[in-house]
Amino acid sequence: MKSDFQFSQNRRAFLGGTTGAIGAMALSSLLQQESLQAASAAVRSKTRQPHGTPTADSVICLFQHGGPSQMDLFDHKPELTRHHGRRYEGDLEIHFPNQAGNVLGSPFRFQPHGQSGIELSEVLPWTAGIVDELTVVRSVTTESVDHESALRLIHSGKFQASYPTWGSWINYGLGTVNQNLPAYVVLTDPAGMPVDNVRNWTSGWLPAEYQGTPFRSGDSPVPNLRTPKDVTEGAREKQLEFLRQLNTVYSEQYADNEELQARIIDFELAARMQSTVPEALDISQETEATRKLYGLDNPMTAEYGTRCIIARRLIERGVRFVQLFLAGQPWDTHSRNAESLRANCARIDQPSAALVQDLKQRGLLDRTIVMWGGEFGRLPISQGTDGRDHNRHASSIWLAGGGFRQGFSYGHTDDFGYKAVEDIVTVHDLHATLLHAMGLDHLRLTYPHDGREGSLTDVAITKAEVVRALLKS
């Protein structure tokens, strides 16, 4: 039944010309309106049940922008020490050839840890304490040594910008558990945005509903969620009623416009988030022991530890996918490699390990995948005197929980850590495996794009396969 309400001004023009009211418009219970409930159901009907039996229900991705040095953290290479300062005799793909130096040994000591005996660098003492929970993969490869394109590959499986990221694919494939929170949340760094900005969590050509929702630190974690102080309750109700009428008219007129339907859903979700988000982010409810576990008593670890606690709290409340990012690209150690690694690990190591430990003791780790890694690795030679250049032929990551094997290392690189030579895992294989653990078949998880069925792995090109050796079963 068509609405009798008529409005002559273009909706885009109205929204573009309205100042100070948009935030207020998103703050009331629009779910009470039948027309918006119908629009919401129409879009959500496209979410799917798992293709198979999942071993995980949620993901926390601790993404390390810049490319952590594998031979200084996870991949012990004594040959680097023995050949330190000598000319590297093999062939190397060098990003900055005019700055290429000799073999650069790791300045850090390695030793085995846990019952598994997995070797880790001395700058990862907290990760060493949870090593028996981890799958350490030392043979990840990608296809680019440029940060932006490598970031797009690890997040979306494509070189090009504006393709859906894997968090969006999981959101699209499985939907949300808690209707009062976004299914895909991004916890940004208070110091600034990461390299490649919002493209790290874009939904690309999937409906906009599936993109990541950034939460930031401070009193206003979600922009425009609170009612402006100068807007009275009466004015707000009138604005919301006017918006409801506009949405009714235009959702009927443009029933096939997925962007419009997604915007309407955003408004109604924002209304529900007004009460749920503050509670979810309120870490004052955490015990002193938990706060200390994450390093909140240490200025070096407090900020990252806070975001790790929030990630756990969001997972507890049914958020499907949480991703932590860093400002800029702090792991991009073109100079002062050792100094930078020490500083990064001092900030991130304890909170990352605490997250795994905390999830386990709360009974959440079995159904939650925690992933730690960056977009590529580093070279075995020096850049200048004390840095390392980019390397797409080998990097190391770790995974915990969600059906991945415990106390297990996989893959090998050559004697200098330059190139993966055994049990190679491409970024596409990694994506296929992560989707599999979530109960999603990467060959069947598709969405129409440019006249064909697009997917995360695009298997006709990438030949992606599930790496079953990483999984318990």
Protein backbone atom coordinates (compact mmCIF):
# COMPACT_ATOMS: atom_id res chain seq x y z
CA MET A 1 0.00 0.00 0.00
CA LYS A 2 1.45 3.33 -1.06
CA SER A 3 1.94 6.11 1.46
CA ASP A 4 -0.19 9.26 1.16
CA PHE A 5 2.73 11.40 2.27
CA GLN A 6 4.15 13.58 -0.52
CA PHE A 7 7.35 15.57 -0.50
CA SER A 8 8.65 17.63 -3.38
CA GLN A 9 12.25 18.09 -2.34
CA ASN A 10 14.81 15.51 -3.44
CA ARG A 11 15.85 13.28 -0.50
CA ARG A 12 19.54 13.75 -1.24
CA ALA A 13 19.11 17.52 -1.32
CA PHE A 14 17.23 17.47 1.96
CA LEU A 15 19.84 15.35 3.72
CA GLY A 16 22.69 17.35 2.20
CA GLY A 17 21.21 20.64 3.33
CA THR A 18 20.30 19.59 6.85
CA THR A 19 22.80 20.60 9.52
CA GLY A 20 23.04 19.24 13.02
CA ALA A 21 20.05 16.93 12.71
CA ILE A 22 21.41 13.80 11.07
CA GLY A 23 22.98 12.54 14.28
CA ALA A 24 19.72 13.05 16.14
CA MET A 25 17.76 11.32 13.41
CA ALA A 26 19.61 8.09 14.11
CA LEU A 27 18.85 7.93 17.79
CA SER A 28 15.31 6.69 18.27
CA SER A 29 13.56 3.34 18.00
CA LEU A 30 12.79 3.26 14.30
CA LEU A 31 12.12 -0.46 14.61
CA GLN A 32 8.63 0.43 15.79
CA GLN A 33 7.78 1.48 12.25
CA GLU A 34 6.43 -1.44 10.23
CA SER A 35 7.79 -0.19 6.93
CA LEU A 36 11.35 -0.10 8.25
CA GLN A 37 11.00 -3.54 9.78
CA ALA A 38 10.01 -4.82 6.35
CA ALA A 39 12.99 -3.12 4.72
CA SER A 40 15.29 -4.59 7.34
CA ALA A 41 13.94 -8.10 6.77
CA ALA A 42 14.34 -7.73 3.01
CA VAL A 43 18.06 -7.02 3.29
CA ARG A 44 18.77 -9.49 6.08
CA SER A 45 17.13 -12.29 4.11
CA LYS A 46 20.30 -12.35 1.99
CA THR A 47 22.43 -13.61 4.86
CA ARG A 48 23.10 -17.33 4.81
CA GLN A 49 23.45 -20.30 7.08
CA PRO A 50 26.91 -21.93 7.20
CA HIS A 51 27.67 -24.28 4.32
CA GLY A 52 29.23 -26.77 6.70
CA THR A 53 29.86 -27.34 10.38
CA PRO A 54 31.87 -24.40 11.75
CA THR A 55 34.60 -24.72 14.34
CA ALA A 56 34.40 -20.99 15.06
CA ASP A 57 31.63 -18.43 15.39
CA SER A 58 33.70 -15.25 15.57
CA VAL A 59 37.05 -13.69 14.68
CA ILE A 60 39.36 -11.17 16.33
CA CYS A 61 42.05 -9.96 13.91
CA LEU A 62 45.01 -8.19 15.50
CA PHE A 63 46.38 -6.63 12.35
CA GLN A 64 50.00 -5.41 12.37
CA HIS A 65 50.43 -2.73 9.74
CA GLY A 66 53.80 -2.44 8.02
CA GLY A 67 55.08 -6.02 7.79
CA PRO A 68 56.58 -7.55 10.97
CA SER A 69 60.06 -9.01 10.51
CA GLN A 70 59.64 -12.79 10.56
CA MET A 71 63.32 -13.62 11.13
CA ASP A 72 63.42 -11.35 14.19
CA LEU A 73 60.21 -12.62 15.78
CA PHE A 74 59.01 -16.10 14.75
CA ASP A 75 61.41 -17.68 12.24
CA HIS A 76 64.80 -18.38 13.82
CA LYS A 77 67.60 -18.41 11.25
CA PRO A 78 71.08 -19.13 12.67
CA GLU A 79 72.56 -18.69 9.18
CA LEU A 80 71.74 -15.01 9.39
CA THR A 81 73.94 -14.73 12.48
CA ARG A 82 76.76 -16.74 10.91
CA HIS A 83 76.74 -14.65 7.73
CA HIS A 84 76.05 -11.29 9.35
CA GLY A 85 77.82 -8.51 7.49
CA ARG A 86 78.67 -10.65 4.46
CA ARG A 87 77.38 -10.23 0.95
CA TYR A 88 74.18 -12.18 0.24
CA GLU A 89 74.98 -14.54 -2.61
CA GLY A 90 71.46 -15.45 -3.75
CA ASP A 91 68.90 -13.54 -5.79
CA LEU A 92 66.61 -11.16 -3.96
CA GLU A 93 63.62 -9.09 -4.98
CA ILE A 94 64.52 -5.72 -3.48
CA HIS A 95 62.07 -2.86 -3.11
CA PHE A 96 64.79 -0.19 -2.69
CA PRO A 97 67.83 -1.64 -4.53
CA ASN A 98 69.99 1.46 -4.09
CA GLN A 99 69.85 0.96 -0.32
CA ALA A 100 70.57 -2.79 -0.29
CA GLY A 101 73.24 -3.89 2.17
CA ASN A 102 74.74 -7.13 3.41
CA VAL A 103 73.21 -9.95 5.44
CA LEU A 104 71.64 -8.60 8.62
CA GLY A 105 71.61 -11.07 11.49
CA SER A 106 68.90 -10.86 14.09
CA PRO A 107 70.05 -9.08 17.26
CA PHE A 108 67.60 -11.13 19.34
CA ARG A 109 68.02 -14.48 21.03
CA PHE A 110 65.59 -17.29 20.25
CA GLN A 111 64.67 -20.25 22.42
CA PRO A 112 62.01 -22.97 22.48
CA HIS A 113 58.93 -22.50 24.65
CA GLY A 114 56.12 -24.59 26.06
CA GLN A 115 55.58 -28.29 25.59
CA SER A 116 55.53 -27.72 21.83
CA GLY A 117 59.07 -26.33 21.83
CA ILE A 118 58.22 -23.62 19.29
CA GLU A 119 61.06 -21.12 19.04
CA LEU A 120 60.26 -17.45 19.55
CA SER A 121 62.29 -14.27 19.86
CA GLU A 122 63.17 -12.82 23.25
CA VAL A 123 61.08 -9.72 22.45
CA LEU A 124 57.90 -11.85 22.60
CA PRO A 125 57.96 -13.10 26.21
CA TRP A 126 54.18 -12.93 26.66
CA THR A 127 53.46 -14.72 23.40
CA ALA A 128 55.94 -17.35 24.55
CA GLY A 129 53.65 -17.95 27.53
CA ILE A 130 50.72 -18.93 25.28
CA VAL A 131 52.70 -20.67 22.54
CA ASP A 132 51.00 -24.01 23.22
CA GLU A 133 47.70 -22.41 22.18
CA LEU A 134 49.05 -21.18 18.84
CA THR A 135 49.39 -22.30 15.26
CA VAL A 136 52.47 -20.46 13.99
CA VAL A 137 52.58 -20.29 10.18
CA ARG A 138 56.03 -19.38 8.84
CA SER A 139 55.37 -19.76 5.12
CA VAL A 140 52.77 -17.12 4.21
CA THR A 141 53.32 -15.52 0.80
CA THR A 142 51.65 -12.67 -1.03
CA GLU A 143 51.91 -11.04 -4.44
CA SER A 144 53.00 -7.48 -3.78
CA VAL A 145 55.74 -5.58 -1.95
CA ASP A 146 53.80 -2.30 -2.03
CA HIS A 147 51.97 -1.58 1.20
CA GLU A 148 48.64 -0.51 -0.26
CA SER A 149 48.25 -3.38 -2.71
CA ALA A 150 49.58 -5.91 -0.17
CA LEU A 151 47.05 -4.61 2.36
CA ARG A 152 44.28 -5.06 -0.16
CA LEU A 153 45.47 -8.59 -0.85
CA ILE A 154 45.52 -9.65 2.80
CA HIS A 155 42.15 -8.03 3.47
CA SER A 156 40.23 -8.56 0.24
CA GLY A 157 42.29 -11.02 -1.82
CA LYS A 158 42.70 -8.45 -4.64
CA PHE A 159 45.29 -5.88 -5.70
CA GLN A 160 42.64 -3.36 -6.59
CA ALA A 161 40.83 -1.05 -4.21
CA SER A 162 37.12 -1.26 -3.40
CA TYR A 163 36.78 -5.04 -3.17
CA PRO A 164 34.98 -6.57 -0.17
CA THR A 165 37.23 -7.41 2.76
CA TRP A 166 37.12 -10.79 4.46
CA GLY A 167 35.33 -9.35 7.47
CA SER A 168 32.59 -8.14 5.14
CA TRP A 169 32.37 -11.55 3.48
CA ILE A 170 31.95 -13.22 6.88
CA ASN A 171 29.35 -10.62 7.84
CA TYR A 172 27.50 -11.24 4.57
CA GLY A 173 27.74 -15.01 4.85
CA LEU A 174 26.73 -15.41 8.48
CA GLY A 175 25.01 -12.21 9.60
CA THR A 176 24.84 -10.95 13.16
CA VAL A 177 24.01 -12.61 16.46
CA ASN A 178 23.25 -9.44 18.43
CA GLN A 179 20.77 -7.23 16.57
CA ASN A 180 21.79 -4.27 18.76
CA LEU A 181 25.44 -4.20 17.68
CA PRO A 182 27.15 -4.26 14.27
CA ALA A 183 28.32 -7.69 13.15
CA TYR A 184 31.69 -6.25 12.02
CA VAL A 185 33.44 -3.75 14.31
CA VAL A 186 36.75 -1.98 13.70
CA LEU A 187 38.70 -0.68 16.71
CA THR A 188 40.86 2.11 15.37
CA ASP A 189 44.01 3.50 16.94
CA PRO A 190 43.50 6.78 18.84
CA ALA A 191 46.77 7.99 17.32
CA GLY A 192 45.33 7.95 13.80
CA MET A 193 44.18 5.90 10.86
CA PRO A 194 46.15 3.01 9.32
CA VAL A 195 47.71 3.13 5.87
CA ASP A 196 45.01 2.66 3.20
CA ASN A 197 42.48 4.11 5.62
CA VAL A 198 38.87 2.83 5.45
CA ARG A 199 39.66 0.54 2.51
CA ASN A 200 40.98 -1.90 5.12
CA TRP A 201 37.39 -2.65 6.15
CA THR A 202 35.30 -1.75 3.11
CA SER A 203 32.40 -3.89 1.93
CA GLY A 204 33.30 -3.01 -1.67
CA TRP A 205 30.46 -4.00 -3.97
CA LEU A 206 28.70 -6.02 -1.29
CA PRO A 207 25.75 -4.09 0.20
CA ALA A 208 26.97 -1.28 2.45
CA GLU A 209 25.38 -3.03 5.44
CA TYR A 210 28.32 -5.44 5.54
CA GLN A 211 31.20 -2.96 5.90
CA GLY A 212 33.11 -2.57 9.16
CA THR A 213 31.78 -0.08 11.70
CA PRO A 214 34.65 1.89 13.29
CA PHE A 215 34.59 2.45 17.05
CA ARG A 216 37.02 4.98 18.42
CA SER A 217 38.32 5.81 21.89
CA GLY A 218 36.90 8.56 24.07
CA ASP A 219 33.49 9.74 25.17
CA SER A 220 32.00 9.45 21.68
CA PRO A 221 33.06 6.04 20.28
CA VAL A 222 30.58 6.21 17.39
CA PRO A 223 30.23 9.57 15.58
CA ASN A 224 26.78 11.17 15.67
CA LEU A 225 25.30 8.52 17.95
CA ARG A 226 24.30 10.90 20.71
CA THR A 227 21.59 13.52 20.44
CA PRO A 228 23.16 17.00 20.05
CA LYS A 229 22.85 19.02 23.24
CA ASP A 230 20.99 21.84 21.50
CA VAL A 231 18.25 19.52 20.15
CA THR A 232 15.24 19.17 22.45
CA GLU A 233 13.34 15.94 22.91
CA GLY A 234 10.30 17.35 21.11
CA ALA A 235 12.38 18.52 18.15
CA ARG A 236 14.08 15.16 17.96
CA GLU A 237 10.77 13.30 17.82
CA LYS A 238 9.55 15.54 14.99
CA GLN A 239 12.78 15.02 13.07
CA LEU A 240 12.50 11.27 13.46
CA GLU A 241 8.88 11.24 12.35
CA PHE A 242 9.78 13.32 9.31
CA LEU A 243 12.62 10.95 8.49
CA ARG A 244 10.29 7.98 8.91
CA GLN A 245 7.90 9.46 6.37
CA LEU A 246 10.74 10.15 3.93
CA ASN A 247 12.09 6.62 4.32
CA THR A 248 8.63 5.14 3.77
CA VAL A 249 8.11 7.09 0.55
CA TYR A 250 11.52 6.43 -0.93
CA SER A 251 11.76 2.79 0.13
CA GLU A 252 8.49 2.19 -1.72
CA GLN A 253 9.60 4.19 -4.74
CA TYR A 254 13.07 2.63 -4.92
CA ALA A 255 12.44 -0.84 -3.52
CA ASP A 256 15.45 -2.30 -5.38
CA ASN A 257 17.94 0.31 -4.14
CA GLU A 258 20.14 -1.69 -1.76
CA GLU A 259 22.13 1.39 -0.73
CA LEU A 260 18.93 3.08 0.43
CA GLN A 261 17.79 -0.03 2.30
CA ALA A 262 21.21 -0.27 3.95
CA ARG A 263 20.98 3.38 5.04
CA ILE A 264 17.59 2.74 6.62
CA ILE A 265 19.02 -0.26 8.46
CA ASP A 266 21.93 1.89 9.62
CA PHE A 267 19.48 4.36 11.14
CA GLU A 268 17.59 1.69 13.03
CA LEU A 269 20.79 -0.01 14.18
CA ALA A 270 22.09 3.35 15.42
CA ALA A 271 18.96 3.71 17.52
CA ARG A 272 19.57 0.36 19.20
CA MET A 273 23.29 1.06 19.58
CA GLN A 274 22.59 4.17 21.63
CA SER A 275 22.10 2.05 24.73
CA THR A 276 24.16 -1.06 23.92
CA VAL A 277 27.45 0.52 22.79
CA PRO A 278 28.27 2.42 26.02
CA GLU A 279 27.73 -0.74 28.07
CA ALA A 280 29.82 -2.89 25.72
CA LEU A 281 32.74 -0.47 25.85
CA ASP A 282 32.61 0.15 29.60
CA ILE A 283 35.74 -1.59 30.85
CA SER A 284 35.26 -0.19 34.35
CA GLN A 285 33.25 -3.37 34.91
CA GLU A 286 36.41 -5.46 34.49
CA THR A 287 38.20 -6.83 37.55
CA GLU A 288 41.55 -5.48 38.65
CA ALA A 289 43.11 -8.84 37.81
CA THR A 290 41.81 -8.65 34.23
CA ARG A 291 43.01 -5.08 33.82
CA LYS A 292 46.47 -6.09 35.02
CA LEU A 293 46.49 -9.15 32.76
CA TYR A 294 46.09 -6.89 29.71
CA GLY A 295 48.66 -4.39 30.94
CA LEU A 296 46.34 -1.52 31.75
CA ASP A 297 48.62 -0.65 34.67
CA ASN A 298 51.47 0.07 32.23
CA PRO A 299 51.41 3.21 30.06
CA MET A 300 53.19 1.29 27.30
CA THR A 301 50.49 -1.38 26.97
CA ALA A 302 47.40 0.34 28.37
CA GLU A 303 45.95 1.67 25.11
CA TYR A 304 46.31 -1.53 23.08
CA GLY A 305 45.28 -3.59 26.10
CA THR A 306 42.10 -1.56 26.42
CA ARG A 307 41.17 -2.29 22.83
CA CYS A 308 41.90 -5.99 23.29
CA ILE A 309 39.56 -6.08 26.29
CA ILE A 310 36.90 -4.29 24.25
CA ALA A 311 37.35 -6.85 21.47
CA ARG A 312 36.66 -9.64 23.95
CA ARG A 313 33.63 -7.80 25.35
CA LEU A 314 32.21 -7.36 21.84
CA ILE A 315 32.69 -11.04 21.02
CA GLU A 316 30.93 -11.94 24.28
CA ARG A 317 27.98 -9.84 23.12
CA GLY A 318 27.64 -11.54 19.76
CA VAL A 319 29.74 -9.37 17.44
CA ARG A 320 30.92 -11.65 14.64
CA PHE A 321 34.16 -9.98 13.53
CA VAL A 322 36.39 -7.52 15.40
CA GLN A 323 39.53 -6.02 13.90
CA LEU A 324 42.20 -3.93 15.64
CA PHE A 325 44.35 -1.58 13.56
CA LEU A 326 47.42 0.54 14.26
CA ALA A 327 48.05 4.13 13.22
CA GLY A 328 50.23 4.38 10.13
CA GLN A 329 52.47 1.33 9.69
CA PRO A 330 54.69 0.92 12.77
CA TRP A 331 56.11 -2.46 11.69
CA ASP A 332 57.61 -0.93 8.53
CA THR A 333 61.19 -1.09 9.80
CA HIS A 334 63.22 0.41 6.94
CA SER A 335 65.56 1.85 9.56
CA ARG A 336 66.27 1.12 13.24
CA ASN A 337 64.82 -2.35 12.80
CA ALA A 338 65.83 -3.69 16.22
CA GLU A 339 64.81 -0.54 18.10
CA SER A 340 61.43 -0.38 16.37
CA LEU A 341 60.70 -4.06 16.97
CA ARG A 342 61.47 -3.74 20.66
CA ALA A 343 59.09 -0.78 20.97
CA ASN A 344 56.30 -2.46 19.00
CA CYS A 345 56.54 -5.68 20.97
CA ALA A 346 56.64 -3.80 24.26
CA ARG A 347 53.33 -2.21 23.29
CA ILE A 348 51.51 -5.16 21.71
CA ASP A 349 52.92 -8.46 22.98
CA GLN A 350 51.33 -8.56 26.44
CA PRO A 351 47.80 -7.47 25.40
CA SER A 352 47.78 -9.89 22.45
CA ALA A 353 48.75 -12.82 24.64
CA ALA A 354 46.34 -11.70 27.36
CA LEU A 355 43.47 -11.77 24.88
CA VAL A 356 44.11 -15.44 24.07
CA GLN A 357 44.53 -16.31 27.74
CA ASP A 358 41.38 -14.41 28.75
CA LEU A 359 39.27 -15.94 26.00
CA LYS A 360 40.42 -19.40 27.06
CA GLN A 361 39.64 -18.96 30.75
CA ARG A 362 36.16 -17.67 29.86
CA GLY A 363 35.45 -20.62 27.57
CA LEU A 364 35.39 -18.45 24.45
CA LEU A 365 38.60 -19.47 22.68
CA ASP A 366 37.26 -22.73 21.28
CA ARG A 367 34.74 -20.76 19.17
CA THR A 368 36.81 -17.63 18.48
CA ILE A 369 39.66 -17.33 15.99
CA VAL A 370 42.41 -14.90 16.99
CA MET A 371 44.74 -13.96 14.14
CA TRP A 372 47.98 -11.93 14.48
CA GLY A 373 49.93 -10.82 11.40
CA GLY A 374 50.72 -8.16 8.81
CA GLU A 375 50.69 -7.72 5.05
CA PHE A 376 54.15 -9.18 4.25
CA GLY A 377 57.57 -9.92 5.79
CA ARG A 378 61.08 -8.44 5.60
CA LEU A 379 64.34 -9.21 3.79
CA PRO A 380 67.39 -10.99 5.28
CA ILE A 381 69.73 -8.17 4.23
CA SER A 382 70.01 -4.69 5.65
CA GLN A 383 68.44 -1.62 4.16
CA GLY A 384 70.96 1.08 4.84
CA THR A 385 72.77 0.10 8.00
CA ASP A 386 70.07 -1.17 10.37
CA GLY A 387 66.74 -1.58 8.54
CA ARG A 388 64.94 -4.27 6.57
CA ASP A 389 63.13 -3.88 3.25
CA HIS A 390 59.78 -5.44 2.22
CA ASN A 391 59.50 -9.13 1.35
CA ARG A 392 56.48 -10.77 -0.27
CA HIS A 393 57.99 -14.26 -0.42
CA ALA A 394 57.72 -15.09 3.28
CA SER A 395 56.07 -13.83 6.42
CA SER A 396 54.91 -15.33 9.71
CA ILE A 397 51.53 -15.13 11.40
CA TRP A 398 49.91 -16.88 14.31
CA LEU A 399 46.39 -18.15 14.86
CA ALA A 400 44.68 -19.34 18.03
CA GLY A 401 41.37 -20.97 18.87
CA GLY A 402 38.42 -21.64 16.60
CA GLY A 403 39.48 -25.11 15.52
CA PHE A 404 43.13 -24.36 14.71
CA ARG A 405 45.76 -26.73 16.02
CA GLN A 406 47.50 -25.98 19.31
CA GLY A 407 51.25 -25.80 19.83
CA PHE A 408 51.83 -26.31 16.12
CA SER A 409 54.21 -24.73 13.64
CA TYR A 410 53.71 -25.02 9.91
CA GLY A 411 55.83 -24.25 6.88
CA HIS A 412 59.50 -23.57 6.34
CA THR A 413 61.59 -20.89 4.70
CA ASP A 414 65.11 -21.12 3.29
CA ASP A 415 68.17 -20.83 5.54
CA PHE A 416 68.00 -17.03 5.49
CA GLY A 417 64.25 -16.66 5.95
CA TYR A 418 63.80 -15.03 2.57
CA LYS A 419 61.51 -17.43 0.76
CA ALA A 420 58.92 -19.99 1.79
CA VAL A 421 60.07 -23.35 0.46
CA GLU A 422 57.81 -25.92 2.15
CA ASP A 423 54.07 -25.98 2.89
CA ILE A 424 53.51 -22.58 1.29
CA VAL A 425 50.34 -20.75 2.36
CA THR A 426 49.23 -17.99 0.02
CA VAL A 427 46.98 -15.20 1.29
CA HIS A 428 44.22 -16.84 -0.76
CA ASP A 429 44.79 -20.20 0.95
CA LEU A 430 44.66 -18.39 4.27
CA HIS A 431 41.32 -16.80 3.37
CA ALA A 432 39.87 -20.15 2.21
CA THR A 433 40.99 -21.77 5.48
CA LEU A 434 39.59 -19.02 7.69
CA LEU A 435 36.24 -19.15 5.89
CA HIS A 436 36.23 -22.95 6.23
CA ALA A 437 36.71 -22.67 9.98
CA MET A 438 33.67 -20.37 10.06
CA GLY A 439 31.63 -22.99 8.18
CA LEU A 440 31.78 -21.13 4.87
CA ASP A 441 32.83 -22.72 1.57
CA HIS A 442 34.97 -20.17 -0.29
CA LEU A 443 33.75 -21.65 -3.60
CA ARG A 444 30.09 -21.11 -2.68
CA LEU A 445 30.30 -17.79 -0.84
CA THR A 446 29.64 -15.51 -3.83
CA TYR A 447 27.82 -12.31 -4.77
CA PRO A 448 27.02 -10.98 -8.26
CA HIS A 449 29.57 -8.47 -9.55
CA ASP A 450 30.33 -7.28 -13.09
CA GLY A 451 28.19 -9.96 -14.66
CA ARG A 452 29.63 -12.89 -12.74
CA GLU A 453 29.73 -14.35 -9.26
CA GLY A 454 32.45 -12.55 -7.29
CA SER A 455 34.11 -14.13 -4.26
CA LEU A 456 36.85 -13.55 -1.72
CA THR A 457 39.25 -16.11 -3.18
CA ASP A 458 38.29 -15.88 -6.89
CA VAL A 459 39.56 -19.44 -7.17
CA ALA A 460 39.72 -19.55 -10.99
CA ILE A 461 42.60 -17.08 -10.73
CA THR A 462 44.15 -17.76 -7.33
CA LYS A 463 43.77 -21.56 -7.10
CA ALA A 464 43.08 -21.11 -3.39
CA GLU A 465 42.76 -24.21 -1.25
CA VAL A 466 41.85 -24.88 2.37
CA VAL A 467 45.01 -25.76 4.33
CA ARG A 468 43.53 -28.57 6.36
CA ALA A 469 46.83 -29.29 8.11
CA LEU A 470 46.31 -26.10 10.15
CA LEU A 471 43.03 -27.37 11.56
CA LYS A 472 42.34 -29.94 14.26
CA SER A 473 40.02 -31.87 11.99
